[in-house]
Amino acid sequence: MVDTWRESWFEDGTRVFYIVPPSVVDAVLPLEIRPAPDHIARVFVGRMEILDTATVRSAERAITANDARSLERYGRFLGPIADRLMTSAPNAAERARIRSAANAALTAYLKRSAGCE
């Protein structure tokens, strides 16, 4: 199972893995089996990405330098990183610049990963 997660779950970065409580699993993904078995056991592993200050600041430097290549390495985390940076942006123009740079890098990342099978 871990081998199937390797490329998406074990890339650079910090994350927390946890076992999702059965009540949450049942609420989000109800399961009905007929005839009903004697017992059902489902175990879901959750993952939470941690965006540390160093990562956010590194992305901020890449945005300031207009370094699209460096930004692309943050891939699917560009949206949350941009959101965090925009909360401290001094004005609308700076927020727009951050969003534009993040969107361009995210678009390039998605185009590149769309070719993967």
PDB file of N, CA and C in Angstrom:
ATOM      1  N   MET A   1       0.820  -1.182   0.000  1.00  0.00           N
ATOM      2  CA  MET A   1       0.000   0.000   0.000  1.00  0.00           C
ATOM      3  C   MET A   1       0.871   1.256   0.000  1.00  0.00           C
ATOM      4  N   VAL A   2       1.919   1.237   0.792  1.00  0.00           N
ATOM      5  CA  VAL A   2       2.792   2.404   0.871  1.00  0.00           C
ATOM      6  C   VAL A   2       3.428   2.696  -0.483  1.00  0.00           C
ATOM      7  N   ASP A   3       3.788   1.667  -1.239  1.00  0.00           N
ATOM      8  CA  ASP A   3       4.380   1.887  -2.559  1.00  0.00           C
ATOM      9  C   ASP A   3       3.428   2.635  -3.487  1.00  0.00           C
ATOM     10  N   THR A   4       2.137   2.406  -3.368  1.00  0.00           N
ATOM     11  CA  THR A   4       1.184   3.112  -4.231  1.00  0.00           C
ATOM     12  C   THR A   4       1.062   4.580  -3.839  1.00  0.00           C
ATOM     13  N   TRP A   5       1.437   4.923  -2.623  1.00  0.00           N
ATOM     14  CA  TRP A   5       1.352   6.309  -2.139  1.00  0.00           C
ATOM     15  C   TRP A   5       2.649   7.079  -2.333  1.00  0.00           C
ATOM     16  N   ARG A   6       3.723   6.373  -2.621  1.00  0.00           N
ATOM     17  CA  ARG A   6       5.060   6.968  -2.568  1.00  0.00           C
ATOM     18  C   ARG A   6       5.179   8.312  -3.267  1.00  0.00           C
ATOM     19  N   GLU A   7       4.719   8.412  -4.510  1.00  0.00           N
ATOM     20  CA  GLU A   7       4.939   9.644  -5.270  1.00  0.00           C
ATOM     21  C   GLU A   7       4.085  10.812  -4.799  1.00  0.00           C
ATOM     22  N   SER A   8       2.908  10.563  -4.264  1.00  0.00           N
ATOM     23  CA  SER A   8       2.060  11.684  -3.861  1.00  0.00           C
ATOM     24  C   SER A   8       2.076  11.936  -2.354  1.00  0.00           C
ATOM     25  N   TRP A   9       2.361  10.927  -1.561  1.00  0.00           N
ATOM     26  CA  TRP A   9       2.297  11.106  -0.118  1.00  0.00           C
ATOM     27  C   TRP A   9       3.659  11.326   0.522  1.00  0.00           C
ATOM     28  N   PHE A  10       4.713  10.947  -0.156  1.00  0.00           N
ATOM     29  CA  PHE A  10       6.032  11.028   0.463  1.00  0.00           C
ATOM     30  C   PHE A  10       6.975  11.938  -0.304  1.00  0.00           C
ATOM     31  N   GLU A  11       6.419  13.002  -0.882  1.00  0.00           N
ATOM     32  CA  GLU A  11       7.269  13.999  -1.525  1.00  0.00           C
ATOM     33  C   GLU A  11       7.835  14.914  -0.446  1.00  0.00           C
ATOM     34  N   ASP A  12       8.689  15.853  -0.844  1.00  0.00           N
ATOM     35  CA  ASP A  12       9.258  16.782   0.124  1.00  0.00           C
ATOM     36  C   ASP A  12       8.161  17.498   0.884  1.00  0.00           C
ATOM     37  N   GLY A  13       8.425  17.775   2.117  1.00  0.00           N
ATOM     38  CA  GLY A  13       7.463  18.505   2.927  1.00  0.00           C
ATOM     39  C   GLY A  13       7.200  17.801   4.246  1.00  0.00           C
ATOM     40  N   THR A  14       6.330  18.411   5.034  1.00  0.00           N
ATOM     41  CA  THR A  14       5.987  17.885   6.341  1.00  0.00           C
ATOM     42  C   THR A  14       4.503  17.567   6.345  1.00  0.00           C
ATOM     43  N   ARG A  15       4.170  16.411   6.861  1.00  0.00           N
ATOM     44  CA  ARG A  15       2.768  16.024   6.913  1.00  0.00           C
ATOM     45  C   ARG A  15       2.501  15.189   8.152  1.00  0.00           C
ATOM     46  N   VAL A  16       1.244  15.151   8.510  1.00  0.00           N
ATOM     47  CA  VAL A  16       0.792  14.347   9.636  1.00  0.00           C
ATOM     48  C   VAL A  16      -0.158  13.291   9.079  1.00  0.00           C
ATOM     49  N   PHE A  17       0.071  12.044   9.444  1.00  0.00           N
ATOM     50  CA  PHE A  17      -0.821  10.955   9.073  1.00  0.00           C
ATOM     51  C   PHE A  17      -1.636  10.584  10.304  1.00  0.00           C
ATOM     52  N   TYR A  18      -2.897  10.234  10.089  1.00  0.00           N
ATOM     53  CA  TYR A  18      -3.747   9.869  11.211  1.00  0.00           C
ATOM     54  C   TYR A  18      -4.803   8.864  10.752  1.00  0.00           C
ATOM     55  N   ILE A  19      -5.340   8.138  11.691  1.00  0.00           N
ATOM     56  CA  ILE A  19      -6.432   7.217  11.413  1.00  0.00           C
ATOM     57  C   ILE A  19      -7.732   8.006  11.586  1.00  0.00           C
ATOM     58  N   VAL A  20      -8.551   8.012  10.538  1.00  0.00           N
ATOM     59  CA  VAL A  20      -9.824   8.735  10.578  1.00  0.00           C
ATOM     60  C   VAL A  20     -10.788   7.945  11.461  1.00  0.00           C
ATOM     61  N   PRO A  21     -11.441   8.617  12.412  1.00  0.00           N
ATOM     62  CA  PRO A  21     -12.382   7.913  13.298  1.00  0.00           C
ATOM     63  C   PRO A  21     -13.520   7.264  12.493  1.00  0.00           C
ATOM     64  N   PRO A  22     -13.942   6.066  12.884  1.00  0.00           N
ATOM     65  CA  PRO A  22     -15.008   5.370  12.158  1.00  0.00           C
ATOM     66  C   PRO A  22     -16.286   6.198  11.992  1.00  0.00           C
ATOM     67  N   SER A  23     -16.641   6.995  12.980  1.00  0.00           N
ATOM     68  CA  SER A  23     -17.857   7.812  12.874  1.00  0.00           C
ATOM     69  C   SER A  23     -17.748   8.825  11.735  1.00  0.00           C
ATOM     70  N   VAL A  24     -16.558   9.356  11.510  1.00  0.00           N
ATOM     71  CA  VAL A  24     -16.344  10.305  10.413  1.00  0.00           C
ATOM     72  C   VAL A  24     -16.415   9.574   9.074  1.00  0.00           C
ATOM     73  N   VAL A  25     -15.778   8.427   9.001  1.00  0.00           N
ATOM     74  CA  VAL A  25     -15.811   7.632   7.763  1.00  0.00           C
ATOM     75  C   VAL A  25     -17.256   7.298   7.409  1.00  0.00           C
ATOM     76  N   ASP A  26     -18.024   6.837   8.385  1.00  0.00           N
ATOM     77  CA  ASP A  26     -19.419   6.463   8.127  1.00  0.00           C
ATOM     78  C   ASP A  26     -20.266   7.655   7.720  1.00  0.00           C
ATOM     79  N   ALA A  27     -19.992   8.834   8.297  1.00  0.00           N
ATOM     80  CA  ALA A  27     -20.758  10.039   7.951  1.00  0.00           C
ATOM     81  C   ALA A  27     -20.429  10.520   6.542  1.00  0.00           C
ATOM     82  N   VAL A  28     -19.167  10.450   6.164  1.00  0.00           N
ATOM     83  CA  VAL A  28     -18.732  10.950   4.862  1.00  0.00           C
ATOM     84  C   VAL A  28     -18.963   9.936   3.752  1.00  0.00           C
ATOM     85  N   LEU A  29     -18.790   8.682   4.066  1.00  0.00           N
ATOM     86  CA  LEU A  29     -18.886   7.629   3.062  1.00  0.00           C
ATOM     87  C   LEU A  29     -19.738   6.466   3.598  1.00  0.00           C
ATOM     88  N   PRO A  30     -21.054   6.664   3.623  1.00  0.00           N
ATOM     89  CA  PRO A  30     -21.926   5.609   4.156  1.00  0.00           C
ATOM     90  C   PRO A  30     -21.778   4.312   3.350  1.00  0.00           C
ATOM     91  N   LEU A  31     -21.980   3.208   4.037  1.00  0.00           N
ATOM     92  CA  LEU A  31     -21.847   1.903   3.399  1.00  0.00           C
ATOM     93  C   LEU A  31     -23.022   1.034   3.826  1.00  0.00           C
ATOM     94  N   GLU A  32     -23.673   0.457   2.838  1.00  0.00           N
ATOM     95  CA  GLU A  32     -24.769  -0.459   3.125  1.00  0.00           C
ATOM     96  C   GLU A  32     -24.528  -1.726   2.315  1.00  0.00           C
ATOM     97  N   ILE A  33     -24.540  -2.845   2.991  1.00  0.00           N
ATOM     98  CA  ILE A  33     -24.321  -4.141   2.343  1.00  0.00           C
ATOM     99  C   ILE A  33     -25.499  -5.042   2.700  1.00  0.00           C
ATOM    100  N   ARG A  34     -26.073  -5.672   1.673  1.00  0.00           N
ATOM    101  CA  ARG A  34     -27.192  -6.605   1.897  1.00  0.00           C
ATOM    102  C   ARG A  34     -26.834  -7.947   1.275  1.00  0.00           C
ATOM    103  N   PRO A  35     -26.919  -8.996   1.982  1.00  0.00           N
ATOM    104  CA  PRO A  35     -27.282  -9.066   3.393  1.00  0.00           C
ATOM    105  C   PRO A  35     -26.157  -8.499   4.256  1.00  0.00           C
ATOM    106  N   ALA A  36     -26.539  -7.965   5.380  1.00  0.00           N
ATOM    107  CA  ALA A  36     -25.576  -7.312   6.279  1.00  0.00           C
ATOM    108  C   ALA A  36     -24.601  -8.332   6.850  1.00  0.00           C
ATOM    109  N   PRO A  37     -23.323  -8.026   6.792  1.00  0.00           N
ATOM    110  CA  PRO A  37     -22.324  -8.930   7.397  1.00  0.00           C
ATOM    111  C   PRO A  37     -22.385  -8.831   8.926  1.00  0.00           C
ATOM    112  N   ASP A  38     -21.753  -9.760   9.593  1.00  0.00           N
ATOM    113  CA  ASP A  38     -21.712  -9.722  11.060  1.00  0.00           C
ATOM    114  C   ASP A  38     -20.942  -8.510  11.563  1.00  0.00           C
ATOM    115  N   HIS A  39     -19.916  -8.123  10.789  1.00  0.00           N
ATOM    116  CA  HIS A  39     -19.065  -7.014  11.243  1.00  0.00           C
ATOM    117  C   HIS A  39     -18.450  -6.327  10.019  1.00  0.00           C
ATOM    118  N   ILE A  40     -18.354  -5.021  10.077  1.00  0.00           N
ATOM    119  CA  ILE A  40     -17.672  -4.252   9.031  1.00  0.00           C
ATOM    120  C   ILE A  40     -16.557  -3.467   9.705  1.00  0.00           C
ATOM    121  N   ALA A  41     -15.358  -3.552   9.154  1.00  0.00           N
ATOM    122  CA  ALA A  41     -14.231  -2.771   9.676  1.00  0.00           C
ATOM    123  C   ALA A  41     -13.603  -2.022   8.500  1.00  0.00           C
ATOM    124  N   ARG A  42     -13.680  -0.710   8.565  1.00  0.00           N
ATOM    125  CA  ARG A  42     -13.031   0.122   7.546  1.00  0.00           C
ATOM    126  C   ARG A  42     -12.021   1.009   8.259  1.00  0.00           C
ATOM    127  N   VAL A  43     -10.831   1.085   7.682  1.00  0.00           N
ATOM    128  CA  VAL A  43      -9.784   1.931   8.256  1.00  0.00           C
ATOM    129  C   VAL A  43      -9.337   2.907   7.176  1.00  0.00           C
ATOM    130  N   PHE A  44      -9.474   4.180   7.459  1.00  0.00           N
ATOM    131  CA  PHE A  44      -9.058   5.222   6.521  1.00  0.00           C
ATOM    132  C   PHE A  44      -7.896   5.988   7.135  1.00  0.00           C
ATOM    133  N   VAL A  45      -6.886   6.210   6.331  1.00  0.00           N
ATOM    134  CA  VAL A  45      -5.732   6.992   6.761  1.00  0.00           C
ATOM    135  C   VAL A  45      -5.884   8.398   6.188  1.00  0.00           C
ATOM    136  N   GLY A  46      -5.802   9.380   7.054  1.00  0.00           N
ATOM    137  CA  GLY A  46      -5.866  10.769   6.619  1.00  0.00           C
ATOM    138  C   GLY A  46      -4.463  11.363   6.573  1.00  0.00           C
ATOM    139  N   ARG A  47      -4.358  12.433   5.831  1.00  0.00           N
ATOM    140  CA  ARG A  47      -3.070  13.117   5.715  1.00  0.00           C
ATOM    141  C   ARG A  47      -3.325  14.611   5.765  1.00  0.00           C
ATOM    142  N   MET A  48      -2.529  15.302   6.544  1.00  0.00           N
ATOM    143  CA  MET A  48      -2.624  16.750   6.621  1.00  0.00           C
ATOM    144  C   MET A  48      -1.249  17.329   6.307  1.00  0.00           C
ATOM    145  N   GLU A  49      -1.218  18.196   5.319  1.00  0.00           N
ATOM    146  CA  GLU A  49       0.043  18.832   4.937  1.00  0.00           C
ATOM    147  C   GLU A  49       0.311  20.010   5.873  1.00  0.00           C
ATOM    148  N   ILE A  50       1.551  20.157   6.253  1.00  0.00           N
ATOM    149  CA  ILE A  50       1.957  21.271   7.107  1.00  0.00           C
ATOM    150  C   ILE A  50       2.824  22.204   6.268  1.00  0.00           C
ATOM    151  N   LEU A  51       2.355  23.417   6.088  1.00  0.00           N
ATOM    152  CA  LEU A  51       3.146  24.413   5.364  1.00  0.00           C
ATOM    153  C   LEU A  51       3.965  25.186   6.389  1.00  0.00           C
ATOM    154  N   ASP A  52       5.224  24.840   6.491  1.00  0.00           N
ATOM    155  CA  ASP A  52       6.062  25.527   7.474  1.00  0.00           C
ATOM    156  C   ASP A  52       6.492  26.893   6.947  1.00  0.00           C
ATOM    157  N   THR A  53       6.967  27.714   7.852  1.00  0.00           N
ATOM    158  CA  THR A  53       7.365  29.087   7.513  1.00  0.00           C
ATOM    159  C   THR A  53       8.456  29.109   6.459  1.00  0.00           C
ATOM    160  N   ALA A  54       9.409  28.198   6.536  1.00  0.00           N
ATOM    161  CA  ALA A  54      10.510  28.179   5.567  1.00  0.00           C
ATOM    162  C   ALA A  54       9.985  27.926   4.151  1.00  0.00           C
ATOM    163  N   THR A  55       9.022  27.030   4.011  1.00  0.00           N
ATOM    164  CA  THR A  55       8.445  26.730   2.694  1.00  0.00           C
ATOM    165  C   THR A  55       7.710  27.943   2.140  1.00  0.00           C
ATOM    166  N   VAL A  56       6.906  28.565   2.979  1.00  0.00           N
ATOM    167  CA  VAL A  56       6.134  29.734   2.538  1.00  0.00           C
ATOM    168  C   VAL A  56       7.078  30.876   2.145  1.00  0.00           C
ATOM    169  N   ARG A  57       8.114  31.106   2.932  1.00  0.00           N
ATOM    170  CA  ARG A  57       9.066  32.186   2.623  1.00  0.00           C
ATOM    171  C   ARG A  57       9.858  31.884   1.354  1.00  0.00           C
ATOM    172  N   SER A  58      10.195  30.623   1.138  1.00  0.00           N
ATOM    173  CA  SER A  58      10.906  30.246  -0.082  1.00  0.00           C
ATOM    174  C   SER A  58      10.032  30.517  -1.306  1.00  0.00           C
ATOM    175  N   ALA A  59       8.767  30.162  -1.218  1.00  0.00           N
ATOM    176  CA  ALA A  59       7.841  30.446  -2.322  1.00  0.00           C
ATOM    177  C   ALA A  59       7.676  31.950  -2.509  1.00  0.00           C
ATOM    178  N   GLU A  60       7.639  32.679  -1.426  1.00  0.00           N
ATOM    179  CA  GLU A  60       7.516  34.136  -1.514  1.00  0.00           C
ATOM    180  C   GLU A  60       8.714  34.744  -2.247  1.00  0.00           C
ATOM    181  N   ARG A  61       9.910  34.243  -1.944  1.00  0.00           N
ATOM    182  CA  ARG A  61      11.108  34.722  -2.645  1.00  0.00           C
ATOM    183  C   ARG A  61      11.038  34.401  -4.133  1.00  0.00           C
ATOM    184  N   ALA A  62      10.538  33.219  -4.462  1.00  0.00           N
ATOM    185  CA  ALA A  62      10.406  32.831  -5.875  1.00  0.00           C
ATOM    186  C   ALA A  62       9.396  33.734  -6.587  1.00  0.00           C
ATOM    187  N   ILE A  63       8.317  34.094  -5.912  1.00  0.00           N
ATOM    188  CA  ILE A  63       7.336  35.011  -6.504  1.00  0.00           C
ATOM    189  C   ILE A  63       7.953  36.385  -6.711  1.00  0.00           C
ATOM    190  N   THR A  64       8.667  36.868  -5.714  1.00  0.00           N
ATOM    191  CA  THR A  64       9.313  38.185  -5.804  1.00  0.00           C
ATOM    192  C   THR A  64      10.323  38.221  -6.947  1.00  0.00           C
ATOM    193  N   ALA A  65      11.051  37.119  -7.117  1.00  0.00           N
ATOM    194  CA  ALA A  65      12.063  37.039  -8.175  1.00  0.00           C
ATOM    195  C   ALA A  65      11.467  36.646  -9.520  1.00  0.00           C
ATOM    196  N   ASN A  66      10.154  36.425  -9.546  1.00  0.00           N
ATOM    197  CA  ASN A  66       9.483  35.973 -10.766  1.00  0.00           C
ATOM    198  C   ASN A  66      10.129  34.689 -11.296  1.00  0.00           C
ATOM    199  N   ASP A  67      10.440  33.775 -10.366  1.00  0.00           N
ATOM    200  CA  ASP A  67      11.129  32.528 -10.666  1.00  0.00           C
ATOM    201  C   ASP A  67      10.102  31.395 -10.790  1.00  0.00           C
ATOM    202  N   ALA A  68       9.504  31.290 -11.961  1.00  0.00           N
ATOM    203  CA  ALA A  68       8.446  30.305 -12.204  1.00  0.00           C
ATOM    204  C   ALA A  68       8.945  28.881 -12.009  1.00  0.00           C
ATOM    205  N   ARG A  69      10.170  28.629 -12.415  1.00  0.00           N
ATOM    206  CA  ARG A  69      10.715  27.269 -12.292  1.00  0.00           C
ATOM    207  C   ARG A  69      10.778  26.827 -10.828  1.00  0.00           C
ATOM    208  N   SER A  70      11.223  27.709  -9.953  1.00  0.00           N
ATOM    209  CA  SER A  70      11.262  27.365  -8.525  1.00  0.00           C
ATOM    210  C   SER A  70       9.861  27.200  -7.962  1.00  0.00           C
ATOM    211  N   LEU A  71       8.932  28.024  -8.410  1.00  0.00           N
ATOM    212  CA  LEU A  71       7.556  27.938  -7.922  1.00  0.00           C
ATOM    213  C   LEU A  71       6.904  26.617  -8.298  1.00  0.00           C
ATOM    214  N   GLU A  72       7.219  26.104  -9.458  1.00  0.00           N
ATOM    215  CA  GLU A  72       6.595  24.859  -9.922  1.00  0.00           C
ATOM    216  C   GLU A  72       6.847  23.698  -8.973  1.00  0.00           C
ATOM    217  N   ARG A  73       7.935  23.723  -8.253  1.00  0.00           N
ATOM    218  CA  ARG A  73       8.241  22.590  -7.374  1.00  0.00           C
ATOM    219  C   ARG A  73       7.255  22.468  -6.211  1.00  0.00           C
ATOM    220  N   TYR A  74       6.504  23.545  -5.930  1.00  0.00           N
ATOM    221  CA  TYR A  74       5.510  23.485  -4.865  1.00  0.00           C
ATOM    222  C   TYR A  74       4.206  22.863  -5.343  1.00  0.00           C
ATOM    223  N   GLY A  75       4.071  22.689  -6.666  1.00  0.00           N
ATOM    224  CA  GLY A  75       2.971  21.955  -7.264  1.00  0.00           C
ATOM    225  C   GLY A  75       1.607  22.252  -6.677  1.00  0.00           C
ATOM    226  N   ARG A  76       0.955  21.198  -6.209  1.00  0.00           N
ATOM    227  CA  ARG A  76      -0.420  21.315  -5.739  1.00  0.00           C
ATOM    228  C   ARG A  76      -0.566  22.156  -4.478  1.00  0.00           C
ATOM    229  N   PHE A  77       0.535  22.552  -3.874  1.00  0.00           N
ATOM    230  CA  PHE A  77       0.476  23.377  -2.669  1.00  0.00           C
ATOM    231  C   PHE A  77       0.512  24.870  -2.979  1.00  0.00           C
ATOM    232  N   LEU A  78       0.616  25.208  -4.255  1.00  0.00           N
ATOM    233  CA  LEU A  78       0.696  26.633  -4.618  1.00  0.00           C
ATOM    234  C   LEU A  78      -0.533  27.424  -4.192  1.00  0.00           C
ATOM    235  N   GLY A  79      -1.696  26.824  -4.313  1.00  0.00           N
ATOM    236  CA  GLY A  79      -2.920  27.523  -3.895  1.00  0.00           C
ATOM    237  C   GLY A  79      -2.900  27.879  -2.419  1.00  0.00           C
ATOM    238  N   PRO A  80      -2.696  26.908  -1.528  1.00  0.00           N
ATOM    239  CA  PRO A  80      -2.637  27.223  -0.102  1.00  0.00           C
ATOM    240  C   PRO A  80      -1.478  28.158   0.264  1.00  0.00           C
ATOM    241  N   ILE A  81      -0.338  28.002  -0.404  1.00  0.00           N
ATOM    242  CA  ILE A  81       0.791  28.905  -0.133  1.00  0.00           C
ATOM    243  C   ILE A  81       0.414  30.328  -0.533  1.00  0.00           C
ATOM    244  N   ALA A  82      -0.158  30.485  -1.723  1.00  0.00           N
ATOM    245  CA  ALA A  82      -0.573  31.824  -2.173  1.00  0.00           C
ATOM    246  C   ALA A  82      -1.614  32.410  -1.232  1.00  0.00           C
ATOM    247  N   ASP A  83      -2.557  31.592  -0.783  1.00  0.00           N
ATOM    248  CA  ASP A  83      -3.576  32.084   0.151  1.00  0.00           C
ATOM    249  C   ASP A  83      -2.931  32.623   1.427  1.00  0.00           C
ATOM    250  N   ARG A  84      -1.949  31.896   1.934  1.00  0.00           N
ATOM    251  CA  ARG A  84      -1.278  32.341   3.160  1.00  0.00           C
ATOM    252  C   ARG A  84      -0.509  33.644   2.913  1.00  0.00           C
ATOM    253  N   LEU A  85       0.186  33.729   1.777  1.00  0.00           N
ATOM    254  CA  LEU A  85       0.937  34.950   1.468  1.00  0.00           C
ATOM    255  C   LEU A  85       0.007  36.141   1.286  1.00  0.00           C
ATOM    256  N   MET A  86      -1.146  35.916   0.691  1.00  0.00           N
ATOM    257  CA  MET A  86      -2.057  37.028   0.434  1.00  0.00           C
ATOM    258  C   MET A  86      -2.659  37.594   1.718  1.00  0.00           C
ATOM    259  N   THR A  87      -2.708  36.802   2.776  1.00  0.00           N
ATOM    260  CA  THR A  87      -3.259  37.327   4.034  1.00  0.00           C
ATOM    261  C   THR A  87      -2.379  38.425   4.620  1.00  0.00           C
ATOM    262  N   SER A  88      -1.102  38.411   4.274  1.00  0.00           N
ATOM    263  CA  SER A  88      -0.207  39.452   4.806  1.00  0.00           C
ATOM    264  C   SER A  88       0.220  40.464   3.735  1.00  0.00           C
ATOM    265  N   ALA A  89      -0.343  40.341   2.530  1.00  0.00           N
ATOM    266  CA  ALA A  89      -0.002  41.291   1.459  1.00  0.00           C
ATOM    267  C   ALA A  89      -0.544  42.677   1.823  1.00  0.00           C
ATOM    268  N   PRO A  90       0.249  43.708   1.581  1.00  0.00           N
ATOM    269  CA  PRO A  90      -0.133  45.055   2.023  1.00  0.00           C
ATOM    270  C   PRO A  90      -1.264  45.703   1.217  1.00  0.00           C
ATOM    271  N   ASN A  91      -1.506  45.219  -0.010  1.00  0.00           N
ATOM    272  CA  ASN A  91      -2.542  45.868  -0.822  1.00  0.00           C
ATOM    273  C   ASN A  91      -3.062  44.922  -1.902  1.00  0.00           C
ATOM    274  N   ALA A  92      -4.089  45.366  -2.602  1.00  0.00           N
ATOM    275  CA  ALA A  92      -4.729  44.543  -3.633  1.00  0.00           C
ATOM    276  C   ALA A  92      -3.782  44.228  -4.783  1.00  0.00           C
ATOM    277  N   ALA A  93      -2.931  45.169  -5.143  1.00  0.00           N
ATOM    278  CA  ALA A  93      -1.994  44.938  -6.244  1.00  0.00           C
ATOM    279  C   ALA A  93      -1.023  43.804  -5.904  1.00  0.00           C
ATOM    280  N   GLU A  94      -0.548  43.783  -4.677  1.00  0.00           N
ATOM    281  CA  GLU A  94       0.369  42.721  -4.248  1.00  0.00           C
ATOM    282  C   GLU A  94      -0.349  41.378  -4.199  1.00  0.00           C
ATOM    283  N   ARG A  95      -1.581  41.369  -3.724  1.00  0.00           N
ATOM    284  CA  ARG A  95      -2.367  40.125  -3.707  1.00  0.00           C
ATOM    285  C   ARG A  95      -2.577  39.606  -5.136  1.00  0.00           C
ATOM    286  N   ALA A  96      -2.850  40.497  -6.051  1.00  0.00           N
ATOM    287  CA  ALA A  96      -3.051  40.104  -7.455  1.00  0.00           C
ATOM    288  C   ALA A  96      -1.760  39.547  -8.046  1.00  0.00           C
ATOM    289  N   ARG A  97      -0.622  40.154  -7.695  1.00  0.00           N
ATOM    290  CA  ARG A  97       0.671  39.677  -8.196  1.00  0.00           C
ATOM    291  C   ARG A  97       0.971  38.277  -7.670  1.00  0.00           C
ATOM    292  N   ILE A  98       0.698  38.060  -6.396  1.00  0.00           N
ATOM    293  CA  ILE A  98       0.914  36.740  -5.790  1.00  0.00           C
ATOM    294  C   ILE A  98       0.020  35.700  -6.470  1.00  0.00           C
ATOM    295  N   ARG A  99      -1.252  36.027  -6.601  1.00  0.00           N
ATOM    296  CA  ARG A  99      -2.207  35.092  -7.210  1.00  0.00           C
ATOM    297  C   ARG A  99      -1.820  34.775  -8.656  1.00  0.00           C
ATOM    298  N   SER A 100      -1.419  35.787  -9.410  1.00  0.00           N
ATOM    299  CA  SER A 100      -1.046  35.597 -10.808  1.00  0.00           C
ATOM    300  C   SER A 100       0.163  34.667 -10.936  1.00  0.00           C
ATOM    301  N   ALA A 101       1.185  34.909 -10.126  1.00  0.00           N
ATOM    302  CA  ALA A 101       2.392  34.074 -10.181  1.00  0.00           C
ATOM    303  C   ALA A 101       2.071  32.641  -9.770  1.00  0.00           C
ATOM    304  N   ALA A 102       1.278  32.472  -8.725  1.00  0.00           N
ATOM    305  CA  ALA A 102       0.918  31.132  -8.268  1.00  0.00           C
ATOM    306  C   ALA A 102       0.072  30.412  -9.314  1.00  0.00           C
ATOM    307  N   ASN A 103      -0.880  31.113  -9.918  1.00  0.00           N
ATOM    308  CA  ASN A 103      -1.724  30.496 -10.944  1.00  0.00           C
ATOM    309  C   ASN A 103      -0.916  30.062 -12.159  1.00  0.00           C
ATOM    310  N   ALA A 104       0.024  30.887 -12.596  1.00  0.00           N
ATOM    311  CA  ALA A 104       0.853  30.534 -13.750  1.00  0.00           C
ATOM    312  C   ALA A 104       1.688  29.290 -13.447  1.00  0.00           C
ATOM    313  N   ALA A 105       2.292  29.237 -12.259  1.00  0.00           N
ATOM    314  CA  ALA A 105       3.110  28.076 -11.901  1.00  0.00           C
ATOM    315  C   ALA A 105       2.243  26.832 -11.722  1.00  0.00           C
ATOM    316  N   LEU A 106       1.060  27.001 -11.140  1.00  0.00           N
ATOM    317  CA  LEU A 106       0.159  25.865 -10.955  1.00  0.00           C
ATOM    318  C   LEU A 106      -0.325  25.324 -12.304  1.00  0.00           C
ATOM    319  N   THR A 107      -0.606  26.215 -13.230  1.00  0.00           N
ATOM    320  CA  THR A 107      -1.012  25.794 -14.574  1.00  0.00           C
ATOM    321  C   THR A 107       0.088  24.977 -15.240  1.00  0.00           C
ATOM    322  N   ALA A 108       1.327  25.445 -15.131  1.00  0.00           N
ATOM    323  CA  ALA A 108       2.460  24.707 -15.704  1.00  0.00           C
ATOM    324  C   ALA A 108       2.613  23.340 -15.030  1.00  0.00           C
ATOM    325  N   TYR A 109       2.452  23.303 -13.725  1.00  0.00           N
ATOM    326  CA  TYR A 109       2.547  22.039 -12.982  1.00  0.00           C
ATOM    327  C   TYR A 109       1.472  21.062 -13.439  1.00  0.00           C
ATOM    328  N   LEU A 110       0.245  21.546 -13.571  1.00  0.00           N
ATOM    329  CA  LEU A 110      -0.865  20.682 -13.975  1.00  0.00           C
ATOM    330  C   LEU A 110      -0.691  20.166 -15.397  1.00  0.00           C
ATOM    331  N   LYS A 111      -0.196  21.011 -16.290  1.00  0.00           N
ATOM    332  CA  LYS A 111       0.062  20.557 -17.666  1.00  0.00           C
ATOM    333  C   LYS A 111       1.106  19.444 -17.676  1.00  0.00           C
ATOM    334  N   ARG A 112       2.144  19.624 -16.873  1.00  0.00           N
ATOM    335  CA  ARG A 112       3.211  18.636 -16.814  1.00  0.00           C
ATOM    336  C   ARG A 112       2.703  17.327 -16.202  1.00  0.00           C
ATOM    337  N   SER A 113       1.909  17.421 -15.141  1.00  0.00           N
ATOM    338  CA  SER A 113       1.451  16.200 -14.479  1.00  0.00           C
ATOM    339  C   SER A 113       0.294  15.533 -15.209  1.00  0.00           C
ATOM    340  N   ALA A 114      -0.392  16.261 -16.081  1.00  0.00           N
ATOM    341  CA  ALA A 114      -1.498  15.667 -16.853  1.00  0.00           C
ATOM    342  C   ALA A 114      -0.990  14.596 -17.806  1.00  0.00           C
ATOM    343  N   GLY A 115       0.265  14.679 -18.186  1.00  0.00           N
ATOM    344  CA  GLY A 115       0.832  13.704 -19.105  1.00  0.00           C
ATOM    345  C   GLY A 115       1.255  12.423 -18.409  1.00  0.00           C
ATOM    346  N   CYS A 116       1.220  12.405 -17.080  1.00  0.00           N
ATOM    347  CA  CYS A 116       1.623  11.213 -16.326  1.00  0.00           C
ATOM    348  C   CYS A 116       0.494  10.199 -16.318  1.00  0.00           C
ATOM    349  N   GLU A 117       0.857   8.949 -16.348  1.00  0.00           N
ATOM    350  CA  GLU A 117      -0.149   7.880 -16.277  1.00  0.00           C
ATOM    351  C   GLU A 117       0.218   6.893 -15.218  1.00  0.00           C
TER     352      GLU A 117
END
